[in-house]
Amino acid sequence: MGAGPERLIADGLASRLVDAGHAVDVHLLEAPPGSWRAEIRTAFDLAKLAADKARVSIAAGAFPLVLSGNCLPAALGSVAALRRPSVVWLDAHGDYNTPETTIGGFLDGTALATITGRCWREMTRGIGGFEPVPESSVALVGARDLDPLEKEALEQSGIRRCDLHELETSTPEPPVYFHLDLDVLDPAEARVNSYAAPGGPSSREVERMITKVAPRAASITAYDPALDVDGRTSAIAIRLALALAAAARADSS
């Protein structure tokens, strides 16, 4: 999935945004040279970089769109830059595990739990501007593949689980961070990664919902180009990125 962002750029995401009338600056964020490379440490290093860059973009009136293999750095950085936004989280998975509840030990499976302050609190204190997002400010859309303890935690939380149509009738309070893990999509339309789960909305349904939400920052994550043999998923991701940018511009005009 780490190869996904560069593939989307190579397939013309930036140029398509320019053709749609957007001014585009592309910035590659990499872990600091010489830093100790480890999944946890490096993810939070990247989150700090994403937060700094997104904060500069927002201050300049621009729309930060973060492309990332994993969810945690993109989400954490965007949330820190926006300071406790409303969160619309589209994902086939809950990402609401903690180190104590996870079965597979996948750090990315703790992303939503991290931004709501359930875990990694010492690590998030090192990210300037980060404040945990209240659970009541989070809408989780499309989650259907949950670990048992994760499912229990979500049921006991204040997070609102809803489908696309429910979200359309209840617009979140601005500013909105829009998190699009592409495996939310029905794998019958596009198999985004090896974690894909049956069911889920179509890309057109997601696109229609984007027009109802006014994102102030967004991320597109979890695209594995190795599974995209015909380029279908890349084309869908680019179309959804264009929809996000158009929705953000419409809200600012």
Protein backbone atom coordinates (compact mmCIF):
# COMPACT_ATOMS: atom_id res chain seq x y z
CA MET A 1 0.00 0.00 0.00
CA GLY A 2 2.97 2.30 0.50
CA ALA A 3 3.37 2.35 -3.29
CA GLY A 4 -0.15 3.70 -3.75
CA PRO A 5 0.44 7.46 -3.49
CA GLU A 6 3.22 7.55 -6.10
CA ARG A 7 1.14 5.39 -8.44
CA LEU A 8 -1.77 7.86 -8.21
CA ILE A 9 0.57 10.74 -9.00
CA ALA A 10 2.11 8.79 -11.90
CA ASP A 11 -1.39 8.09 -13.21
CA GLY A 12 -2.07 11.81 -13.42
CA LEU A 13 -3.83 12.81 -10.20
CA ALA A 14 -2.04 16.16 -9.94
CA SER A 15 -2.47 17.00 -13.61
CA ARG A 16 -6.16 16.09 -13.48
CA LEU A 17 -6.61 18.46 -10.55
CA VAL A 18 -4.88 21.22 -12.52
CA ASP A 19 -7.11 20.52 -15.52
CA ALA A 20 -10.10 20.93 -13.18
CA GLY A 21 -8.94 24.44 -12.30
CA HIS A 22 -7.08 23.79 -9.04
CA ALA A 23 -3.65 25.15 -8.19
CA VAL A 24 -1.64 22.14 -6.99
CA ASP A 25 1.55 21.77 -4.98
CA VAL A 26 2.81 18.22 -4.42
CA HIS A 27 5.01 17.51 -1.41
CA LEU A 28 6.66 14.17 -0.65
CA LEU A 29 6.87 13.47 3.08
CA GLU A 30 9.52 10.98 4.17
CA ALA A 31 10.78 9.94 7.57
CA PRO A 32 13.69 12.15 8.75
CA PRO A 33 17.09 10.91 7.54
CA GLY A 34 18.90 8.94 10.18
CA SER A 35 15.78 8.39 12.27
CA TRP A 36 15.26 5.01 13.86
CA ARG A 37 12.97 3.11 11.49
CA ALA A 38 10.29 1.11 13.28
CA GLU A 39 6.59 0.82 12.53
CA ILE A 40 5.36 2.76 15.55
CA ARG A 41 8.07 5.40 15.70
CA THR A 42 8.13 6.02 11.95
CA ALA A 43 4.34 6.29 11.71
CA PHE A 44 4.31 9.04 14.33
CA ASP A 45 7.30 10.79 12.72
CA LEU A 46 5.32 10.92 9.48
CA ALA A 47 2.24 12.13 11.34
CA LYS A 48 4.23 15.10 12.66
CA LEU A 49 5.39 15.97 9.14
CA ALA A 50 1.84 15.66 7.80
CA ALA A 51 0.52 17.89 10.58
CA ASP A 52 3.10 20.59 9.88
CA LYS A 53 2.48 20.57 6.13
CA ALA A 54 -1.32 20.47 6.47
CA ARG A 55 -1.25 23.35 8.97
CA VAL A 56 0.69 25.51 6.51
CA SER A 57 -1.75 24.62 3.73
CA ILE A 58 -4.80 25.46 5.83
CA ALA A 59 -3.30 28.77 6.94
CA ALA A 60 -2.77 29.64 3.28
CA GLY A 61 -6.39 28.84 2.46
CA ALA A 62 -5.47 25.67 0.59
CA PHE A 63 -7.03 22.22 0.87
CA PRO A 64 -4.68 19.51 2.20
CA LEU A 65 -5.28 16.17 0.49
CA VAL A 66 -3.00 13.53 1.98
CA LEU A 67 -2.18 10.38 0.01
CA SER A 68 -0.87 7.63 2.25
CA GLY A 69 -0.38 3.90 2.29
CA ASN A 70 -1.47 3.67 5.92
CA CYS A 71 -4.27 5.48 7.70
CA LEU A 72 -2.64 6.53 10.95
CA PRO A 73 -0.06 9.14 9.80
CA ALA A 74 -2.46 10.82 7.40
CA ALA A 75 -5.35 10.94 9.84
CA LEU A 76 -3.35 11.99 12.86
CA GLY A 77 -1.55 14.73 10.95
CA SER A 78 -4.75 16.12 9.43
CA VAL A 79 -6.63 16.08 12.73
CA ALA A 80 -3.76 17.86 14.50
CA ALA A 81 -3.73 20.56 11.82
CA LEU A 82 -7.49 21.12 12.07
CA ARG A 83 -7.70 21.02 15.89
CA ARG A 84 -10.54 18.70 16.93
CA PRO A 85 -12.57 18.63 13.72
CA SER A 86 -15.61 16.55 12.97
CA VAL A 87 -14.43 13.29 11.40
CA VAL A 88 -16.12 11.34 8.62
CA TRP A 89 -14.28 8.00 8.47
CA LEU A 90 -14.98 5.67 5.53
CA ASP A 91 -13.40 2.26 5.97
CA ALA A 92 -14.25 -1.42 5.72
CA HIS A 93 -12.57 -1.77 9.11
CA GLY A 94 -13.15 0.01 12.39
CA ASP A 95 -9.51 0.92 13.08
CA TYR A 96 -10.69 1.09 16.68
CA ASN A 97 -8.38 -1.49 18.22
CA THR A 98 -5.84 -0.65 20.88
CA PRO A 99 -2.60 -2.50 21.66
CA GLU A 100 -4.61 -4.39 24.30
CA THR A 101 -7.46 -5.49 22.00
CA THR A 102 -5.75 -6.12 18.66
CA ILE A 103 -5.54 -9.65 17.35
CA GLY A 104 -3.24 -9.10 14.38
CA GLY A 105 -0.98 -6.45 15.90
CA PHE A 106 -1.47 -4.09 12.93
CA LEU A 107 -0.70 -0.52 14.01
CA ASP A 108 -3.02 0.92 11.38
CA GLY A 109 -5.89 -0.89 13.06
CA THR A 110 -5.53 1.59 15.95
CA ALA A 111 -5.84 4.76 13.83
CA LEU A 112 -9.36 5.83 14.80
CA ALA A 113 -8.75 4.82 18.41
CA THR A 114 -5.65 7.01 18.39
CA ILE A 115 -7.30 10.18 17.12
CA THR A 116 -10.08 9.79 19.70
CA GLY A 117 -7.54 9.44 22.51
CA ARG A 118 -8.07 5.77 23.39
CA CYS A 119 -4.42 4.79 22.89
CA TRP A 120 -0.90 6.00 22.07
CA ARG A 121 -1.49 9.09 24.21
CA GLU A 122 2.18 9.64 25.00
CA MET A 123 3.08 9.45 21.31
CA THR A 124 0.36 11.88 20.25
CA ARG A 125 1.55 14.45 22.79
CA GLY A 126 4.59 14.92 20.55
CA ILE A 127 2.44 16.14 17.65
CA GLY A 128 1.92 19.87 17.83
CA GLY A 129 -1.71 20.94 17.92
CA PHE A 130 -3.13 17.48 18.43
CA GLU A 131 -6.18 17.18 20.67
CA PRO A 132 -8.28 14.02 20.85
CA VAL A 133 -11.47 14.20 18.81
CA PRO A 134 -14.62 13.58 20.90
CA GLU A 135 -16.25 10.30 19.91
CA SER A 136 -19.51 12.14 19.37
CA SER A 137 -17.83 14.07 16.55
CA VAL A 138 -16.98 10.92 14.57
CA ALA A 139 -19.13 9.20 11.94
CA LEU A 140 -17.87 5.74 10.93
CA VAL A 141 -19.20 4.70 7.54
CA GLY A 142 -18.97 1.31 5.83
CA ALA A 143 -17.20 -0.61 8.61
CA ARG A 144 -18.08 -4.30 8.36
CA ASP A 145 -14.93 -6.29 9.20
CA LEU A 146 -14.39 -5.89 12.94
CA ASP A 147 -12.40 -7.83 15.52
CA PRO A 148 -14.55 -9.06 18.46
CA LEU A 149 -13.14 -6.73 21.13
CA GLU A 150 -13.04 -3.88 18.63
CA LYS A 151 -16.72 -4.39 17.85
CA GLU A 152 -17.54 -4.36 21.56
CA ALA A 153 -15.55 -1.15 22.08
CA LEU A 154 -17.33 0.57 19.19
CA GLU A 155 -20.72 -0.43 20.55
CA GLN A 156 -19.83 1.12 23.90
CA SER A 157 -18.37 4.28 22.38
CA GLY A 158 -20.01 7.52 21.32
CA ILE A 159 -18.98 7.02 17.70
CA ARG A 160 -21.89 7.10 15.30
CA ARG A 161 -21.94 4.18 12.87
CA CYS A 162 -24.01 4.98 9.82
CA ASP A 163 -24.42 4.34 6.12
CA LEU A 164 -23.95 6.88 3.36
CA HIS A 165 -27.61 7.83 3.22
CA GLU A 166 -27.81 8.51 6.96
CA LEU A 167 -24.79 10.77 6.73
CA GLU A 168 -26.34 12.72 3.88
CA THR A 169 -29.24 13.71 6.14
CA SER A 170 -27.03 14.73 9.07
CA THR A 171 -24.21 16.98 7.97
CA PRO A 172 -21.27 17.08 10.40
CA GLU A 173 -20.18 20.34 11.99
CA PRO A 174 -17.24 22.08 10.29
CA PRO A 175 -14.36 21.86 10.02
CA VAL A 176 -14.57 18.32 8.63
CA TYR A 177 -11.76 15.85 8.16
CA PHE A 178 -12.79 13.30 5.52
CA HIS A 179 -10.95 9.99 5.76
CA LEU A 180 -11.30 7.74 2.72
CA ASP A 181 -9.75 4.31 3.16
CA LEU A 182 -10.41 2.96 -0.31
CA ASP A 183 -11.17 -0.53 0.94
CA VAL A 184 -14.53 0.84 2.07
CA LEU A 185 -15.56 0.21 -1.54
CA ASP A 186 -17.30 -2.96 -2.59
CA PRO A 187 -14.51 -5.27 -3.84
CA ALA A 188 -16.88 -6.41 -6.59
CA GLU A 189 -16.20 -3.00 -8.17
CA ALA A 190 -12.54 -2.66 -7.26
CA ARG A 191 -10.28 -4.78 -5.05
CA VAL A 192 -8.21 -2.12 -3.36
CA ASN A 193 -5.95 -4.20 -1.10
CA SER A 194 -5.54 -7.63 0.46
CA TYR A 195 -7.69 -6.59 3.45
CA ALA A 196 -10.80 -6.05 1.31
CA ALA A 197 -14.10 -7.25 2.83
CA PRO A 198 -17.28 -8.24 0.99
CA GLY A 199 -20.00 -5.63 0.66
CA GLY A 200 -19.58 -1.89 0.92
CA PRO A 201 -20.74 1.09 -1.12
CA SER A 202 -19.99 1.77 -4.76
CA SER A 203 -17.63 4.55 -5.79
CA ARG A 204 -20.58 6.51 -7.21
CA GLU A 205 -22.34 6.33 -3.84
CA VAL A 206 -19.19 7.62 -2.12
CA GLU A 207 -18.83 10.36 -4.71
CA ARG A 208 -22.42 11.46 -4.16
CA MET A 209 -21.87 11.61 -0.41
CA ILE A 210 -18.72 13.72 -0.85
CA THR A 211 -20.83 16.41 -2.50
CA LYS A 212 -22.94 16.60 0.70
CA VAL A 213 -19.95 17.10 3.00
CA ALA A 214 -17.68 20.14 3.06
CA PRO A 215 -14.23 18.74 3.87
CA ARG A 216 -11.51 21.07 5.14
CA ALA A 217 -8.89 18.34 4.86
CA ALA A 218 -8.97 14.81 3.51
CA SER A 219 -6.92 11.67 3.09
CA ILE A 220 -7.00 8.84 0.58
CA THR A 221 -5.34 5.69 1.88
CA ALA A 222 -4.80 1.93 1.56
CA TYR A 223 -4.48 1.58 -2.24
CA ASP A 224 -2.24 -1.33 -3.27
CA PRO A 225 -1.38 -0.88 -6.97
CA ALA A 226 -0.04 -4.45 -7.18
CA LEU A 227 -3.68 -5.65 -7.18
CA ASP A 228 -4.80 -3.05 -9.72
CA VAL A 229 -3.85 -4.89 -12.90
CA ASP A 230 -6.20 -2.96 -15.18
CA GLY A 231 -5.89 0.50 -13.58
CA ARG A 232 -9.56 0.53 -12.58
CA THR A 233 -8.93 1.29 -8.92
CA SER A 234 -6.51 4.10 -9.73
CA ALA A 235 -9.11 5.73 -11.96
CA ILE A 236 -11.71 5.48 -9.19
CA ALA A 237 -9.34 6.96 -6.60
CA ILE A 238 -8.51 9.88 -8.90
CA ARG A 239 -12.20 10.52 -9.55
CA LEU A 240 -12.91 10.59 -5.82
CA ALA A 241 -9.95 12.91 -5.21
CA LEU A 242 -11.39 15.30 -7.79
CA ALA A 243 -14.74 15.13 -6.00
CA LEU A 244 -13.11 15.96 -2.67
CA ALA A 245 -11.25 18.94 -4.13
CA ALA A 246 -14.40 20.20 -5.84
CA ALA A 247 -16.43 19.91 -2.64
CA ALA A 248 -13.78 21.79 -0.68
CA ARG A 249 -13.65 24.57 -3.29
CA ALA A 250 -17.43 24.87 -3.42
CA ASP A 251 -17.52 25.31 0.35
CA SER A 252 -14.86 28.03 0.33
CA SER A 253 -16.42 30.04 -2.49
